[in-house]
Amino acid sequence: MERFKDKVVIITGGSGSIGFNTAQKLASEGAKIHLVDIDEDALKSKVKEAKKKDYSMSYSVADVTKSKDVETYVKDCIKQHKKIDLFFNNAGIEGVVKPIPDYPEEEFDKVMAVNVKGVYLGMKYVMPKIEDGGSIVISSSVAGLQGTAGMVGYITSKHAIIGIMRTAALELGERKVRVNTVNPGVVDSRMMRSLEDGLNPGHGDDVKEAFEKQIPLGRYAKVDDISNMVCFLFSEDSAYCNGSVYQVDGGMRA
């Protein structure tokens, strides 16, 4: 099955677990991938890995908080692949875990810069170039639908992303470009290891166990669970899905 044959996809946060897992799924179904990340060594490693499977992948090194870098990764993709059909606006960071009075202002600014400004800049430069009938998926989180003590930067940023998505969906509707967010719950990933330790230093396993008890399905999401939803939202199977929030949380917020 090649649902994405000759579709060109930009993926920010492309060397991360969800970004690269999604890239491989799309490439396995015929897509041409342009990875974006700030870590060039990681990008080179991922592209080398992909080429062993004969996947079509290129990359740009970019700081998503810088307008010039974002404009460049869009130009690089078009130069390499001639167009953009799909955009996974995925780069993000978690920040520290501290109550609001103790949360460092510079850390709040950093999280907002990557998670909100980075998403905004991606939309700013991709929207005029994406092909009519395309699809954009933005990584939010269940953190964008609720509060969590100690995570003001991350929570605020993931709420804001939903606002960007809804605005873009309205602006792109005439061109039949769909825009949605994927909102993972707790995912078995590096980011969750960091958050677990931040919530209870030295007792991350206890935090994990507590989270699992809140999930009706009784487990963390696998990276595949998230990338499968992203691929669905990029596919024609989701042709009438637009301006919406897609939770992948095992029933955590049921």
Protein backbone atom coordinates (compact mmCIF):
# COMPACT_ATOMS: atom_id res chain seq x y z
CA MET A 1 0.00 0.00 0.00
CA GLU A 2 1.38 3.41 -0.97
CA ARG A 3 -1.06 5.98 0.39
CA PHE A 4 1.61 8.66 0.19
CA LYS A 5 3.27 7.91 -3.13
CA ASP A 6 5.27 10.97 -4.26
CA LYS A 7 3.88 13.14 -1.45
CA VAL A 8 6.47 15.54 -0.03
CA VAL A 9 6.48 15.93 3.74
CA ILE A 10 8.31 18.35 6.04
CA ILE A 11 8.77 17.05 9.59
CA THR A 12 10.20 19.32 12.29
CA GLY A 13 11.69 17.63 15.32
CA GLY A 14 12.61 15.11 12.67
CA SER A 15 15.33 13.27 14.57
CA GLY A 16 13.16 12.73 17.65
CA SER A 17 11.32 9.51 18.38
CA ILE A 18 7.86 10.54 17.14
CA GLY A 19 9.19 12.63 14.27
CA PHE A 20 11.45 9.97 12.82
CA ASN A 21 9.05 7.11 13.46
CA THR A 22 6.41 9.03 11.51
CA ALA A 23 8.94 9.78 8.78
CA GLN A 24 9.71 6.09 8.33
CA LYS A 25 6.03 5.12 8.16
CA LEU A 26 5.33 7.77 5.54
CA ALA A 27 8.44 6.90 3.53
CA SER A 28 7.53 3.21 3.59
CA GLU A 29 4.33 4.19 1.79
CA GLY A 30 6.05 6.23 -0.90
CA ALA A 31 6.49 9.68 0.63
CA LYS A 32 9.54 11.90 0.19
CA ILE A 33 10.62 13.26 3.55
CA HIS A 34 12.42 16.46 4.49
CA LEU A 35 13.54 16.25 8.12
CA VAL A 36 14.20 19.39 10.16
CA ASP A 37 16.06 19.49 13.46
CA ILE A 38 18.63 21.56 15.31
CA ASP A 39 20.97 18.56 15.77
CA GLU A 40 22.85 17.92 12.52
CA ASP A 41 24.62 14.78 13.75
CA ALA A 42 21.28 13.22 14.66
CA LEU A 43 19.83 14.19 11.28
CA LYS A 44 22.76 12.67 9.40
CA SER A 45 22.38 9.46 11.38
CA LYS A 46 18.63 9.25 10.69
CA VAL A 47 19.01 9.92 6.97
CA LYS A 48 21.77 7.31 6.75
CA GLU A 49 19.48 4.82 8.50
CA ALA A 50 16.63 5.65 6.14
CA LYS A 51 18.74 5.26 3.02
CA LYS A 52 19.55 1.67 4.02
CA LYS A 53 15.83 1.03 3.49
CA ASP A 54 15.81 2.99 0.21
CA TYR A 55 13.65 5.71 1.74
CA SER A 56 13.76 9.17 0.19
CA MET A 57 14.93 11.58 2.90
CA SER A 58 16.71 14.91 2.92
CA TYR A 59 17.23 17.34 5.80
CA SER A 60 17.78 20.90 6.95
CA VAL A 61 19.48 21.99 10.16
CA ALA A 62 17.33 24.69 11.72
CA ASP A 63 16.49 26.49 14.92
CA VAL A 64 12.69 26.64 14.63
CA THR A 65 12.60 29.82 16.75
CA LYS A 66 14.49 31.77 14.07
CA SER A 67 12.54 33.12 11.13
CA LYS A 68 15.50 32.90 8.76
CA ASP A 69 16.08 29.22 9.59
CA VAL A 70 12.42 28.36 9.07
CA GLU A 71 12.27 30.19 5.76
CA THR A 72 15.41 28.30 4.73
CA TYR A 73 14.06 24.82 5.56
CA VAL A 74 10.98 25.55 3.47
CA LYS A 75 13.14 26.71 0.56
CA ASP A 76 15.44 23.69 0.96
CA CYS A 77 12.50 21.30 0.74
CA ILE A 78 11.10 22.94 -2.38
CA LYS A 79 14.54 23.05 -3.99
CA GLN A 80 15.04 19.34 -3.28
CA HIS A 81 11.52 18.02 -3.93
CA LYS A 82 9.77 20.81 -5.91
CA LYS A 83 6.74 21.07 -3.60
CA ILE A 84 5.24 20.53 -0.12
CA ASP A 85 2.14 18.35 0.32
CA LEU A 86 2.17 17.55 4.03
CA PHE A 87 3.63 19.26 7.10
CA PHE A 88 4.19 17.69 10.51
CA ASN A 89 4.82 20.73 12.72
CA ASN A 90 6.25 18.66 15.53
CA ALA A 91 9.31 20.24 17.20
CA GLY A 92 8.90 20.82 20.92
CA ILE A 93 10.57 20.76 24.33
CA GLU A 94 9.22 19.99 27.80
CA GLY A 95 10.98 22.55 30.01
CA VAL A 96 11.57 22.10 33.73
CA VAL A 97 9.13 21.00 36.43
CA LYS A 98 8.68 23.71 39.07
CA PRO A 99 5.73 25.55 40.65
CA ILE A 100 4.89 28.89 39.03
CA PRO A 101 6.62 31.11 41.65
CA ASP A 102 9.85 29.14 41.14
CA TYR A 103 9.58 28.62 37.39
CA PRO A 104 12.50 30.52 35.78
CA GLU A 105 11.39 33.27 33.43
CA GLU A 106 14.11 32.37 30.95
CA GLU A 107 12.88 28.75 30.91
CA PHE A 108 9.30 29.87 30.26
CA ASP A 109 10.54 32.04 27.39
CA LYS A 110 12.55 29.14 25.95
CA VAL A 111 9.61 26.72 26.01
CA MET A 112 7.28 29.29 24.46
CA ALA A 113 9.85 30.14 21.80
CA VAL A 114 10.23 26.54 20.61
CA ASN A 115 6.72 25.24 21.18
CA VAL A 116 4.67 28.28 20.15
CA LYS A 117 6.81 30.63 18.09
CA GLY A 118 8.39 27.66 16.31
CA VAL A 119 4.95 26.33 15.36
CA TYR A 120 3.78 29.81 14.31
CA LEU A 121 6.84 30.37 12.12
CA GLY A 122 6.40 26.96 10.53
CA MET A 123 2.82 27.86 9.62
CA LYS A 124 3.84 31.33 8.45
CA TYR A 125 6.29 30.00 5.87
CA VAL A 126 4.69 26.66 4.93
CA MET A 127 1.09 27.83 4.50
CA PRO A 128 1.74 29.92 1.36
CA LYS A 129 3.72 27.08 -0.24
CA ILE A 130 1.77 23.93 0.65
CA GLU A 131 -0.13 22.35 -2.22
CA ASP A 132 -3.91 22.76 -2.34
CA GLY A 133 -5.58 19.71 -0.81
CA GLY A 134 -2.66 19.13 1.55
CA SER A 135 -2.68 18.38 5.26
CA ILE A 136 -0.93 19.84 8.30
CA VAL A 137 -0.64 18.09 11.66
CA ILE A 138 0.66 20.00 14.68
CA SER A 139 1.93 18.22 17.79
CA SER A 140 0.05 19.40 20.85
CA SER A 141 -0.61 17.15 23.86
CA VAL A 142 -3.24 16.24 26.42
CA ALA A 143 -1.32 18.96 28.27
CA GLY A 144 -3.06 21.33 25.87
CA LEU A 145 -6.43 20.21 27.26
CA GLN A 146 -5.81 20.26 31.00
CA GLY A 147 -3.54 21.62 33.71
CA THR A 148 -0.65 19.92 35.49
CA ALA A 149 1.02 21.44 38.54
CA GLY A 150 4.66 22.33 37.98
CA MET A 151 4.50 22.46 34.19
CA VAL A 152 3.34 25.99 33.41
CA GLY A 153 5.62 26.43 30.38
CA TYR A 154 4.67 23.18 28.67
CA ILE A 155 0.96 23.40 29.56
CA THR A 156 0.66 26.99 28.33
CA SER A 157 2.48 26.25 25.09
CA LYS A 158 0.40 23.20 24.23
CA HIS A 159 -2.85 25.12 24.82
CA ALA A 160 -1.58 27.90 22.54
CA ILE A 161 -0.81 25.45 19.73
CA ILE A 162 -4.48 24.48 19.53
CA GLY A 163 -5.32 28.14 18.92
CA ILE A 164 -2.82 28.28 16.06
CA MET A 165 -4.31 25.11 14.56
CA ARG A 166 -7.89 26.39 14.65
CA THR A 167 -6.91 29.71 13.10
CA ALA A 168 -4.94 28.02 10.32
CA ALA A 169 -7.79 25.58 9.59
CA LEU A 170 -10.11 28.53 8.97
CA GLU A 171 -7.57 30.36 6.83
CA LEU A 172 -6.72 27.34 4.66
CA GLY A 173 -10.19 25.91 4.20
CA GLU A 174 -10.74 27.53 0.81
CA ARG A 175 -7.68 25.70 -0.48
CA LYS A 176 -8.90 22.37 0.95
CA VAL A 177 -5.84 22.15 3.19
CA ARG A 178 -6.74 20.41 6.44
CA VAL A 179 -5.14 21.35 9.77
CA ASN A 180 -5.42 19.30 12.97
CA THR A 181 -3.53 18.63 16.18
CA VAL A 182 -2.41 15.28 17.50
CA ASN A 183 -2.59 15.28 21.29
CA PRO A 184 -0.64 12.41 22.83
CA GLY A 185 -1.08 11.38 26.42
CA VAL A 186 1.92 9.92 28.21
CA VAL A 187 4.28 8.32 25.68
CA ASP A 188 7.08 5.87 26.42
CA SER A 189 9.84 8.24 25.31
CA ARG A 190 12.83 10.32 26.40
CA MET A 191 10.58 13.30 27.14
CA MET A 192 8.48 11.31 29.61
CA ARG A 193 11.59 10.00 31.38
CA SER A 194 12.60 13.64 31.87
CA LEU A 195 9.16 14.68 33.12
CA GLU A 196 8.87 11.67 35.45
CA ASP A 197 12.16 12.56 37.10
CA GLY A 198 11.19 16.22 37.28
CA LEU A 199 7.87 15.43 38.98
CA ASN A 200 9.53 13.21 41.61
CA PRO A 201 13.35 13.30 41.38
CA GLY A 202 14.89 9.87 41.81
CA HIS A 203 11.50 8.16 41.77
CA GLY A 204 10.52 8.26 38.12
CA ASP A 205 9.26 4.67 38.23
CA ASP A 206 6.73 5.65 40.89
CA VAL A 207 5.48 8.49 38.70
CA LYS A 208 5.15 6.13 35.75
CA GLU A 209 3.16 3.66 37.82
CA ALA A 210 0.85 6.45 39.03
CA PHE A 211 0.25 7.65 35.48
CA GLU A 212 -0.51 4.14 34.28
CA LYS A 213 -3.19 3.79 36.96
CA GLN A 214 -4.94 6.84 35.46
CA ILE A 215 -5.11 5.28 31.99
CA PRO A 216 -8.03 2.92 31.26
CA LEU A 217 -5.84 0.91 28.86
CA GLY A 218 -3.26 0.57 31.63
CA ARG A 219 -0.13 1.53 29.71
CA TYR A 220 1.84 4.39 28.19
CA ALA A 221 1.41 5.07 24.50
CA LYS A 222 3.97 3.57 22.18
CA VAL A 223 5.57 5.92 19.66
CA ASP A 224 3.78 3.88 16.97
CA ASP A 225 0.43 4.81 18.51
CA ILE A 226 1.15 8.47 17.86
CA SER A 227 2.70 8.13 14.41
CA ASN A 228 -0.23 5.97 13.28
CA MET A 229 -2.62 8.82 14.11
CA VAL A 230 -0.44 11.33 12.27
CA CYS A 231 -0.40 9.11 9.18
CA PHE A 232 -4.19 8.78 9.37
CA LEU A 233 -4.56 12.57 9.48
CA PHE A 234 -2.29 12.87 6.45
CA SER A 235 -4.22 10.25 4.51
CA GLU A 236 -7.37 10.52 2.42
CA ASP A 237 -9.07 8.36 5.05
CA SER A 238 -9.34 11.58 7.09
CA ALA A 239 -10.52 13.77 4.19
CA TYR A 240 -13.27 15.42 6.28
CA CYS A 241 -11.20 15.86 9.45
CA ASN A 242 -10.30 19.52 9.89
CA GLY A 243 -9.78 22.01 12.70
CA SER A 244 -9.92 19.28 15.32
CA VAL A 245 -8.03 17.89 18.29
CA TYR A 246 -7.13 14.18 18.18
CA GLN A 247 -6.32 12.66 21.56
CA VAL A 248 -4.16 9.55 21.65
CA ASP A 249 -4.20 8.92 25.38
CA GLY A 250 -5.61 5.46 26.05
CA GLY A 251 -8.72 7.02 27.58
CA MET A 252 -6.80 9.12 30.11
CA ARG A 253 -9.22 12.03 29.68
CA ALA A 254 -12.40 9.97 29.20
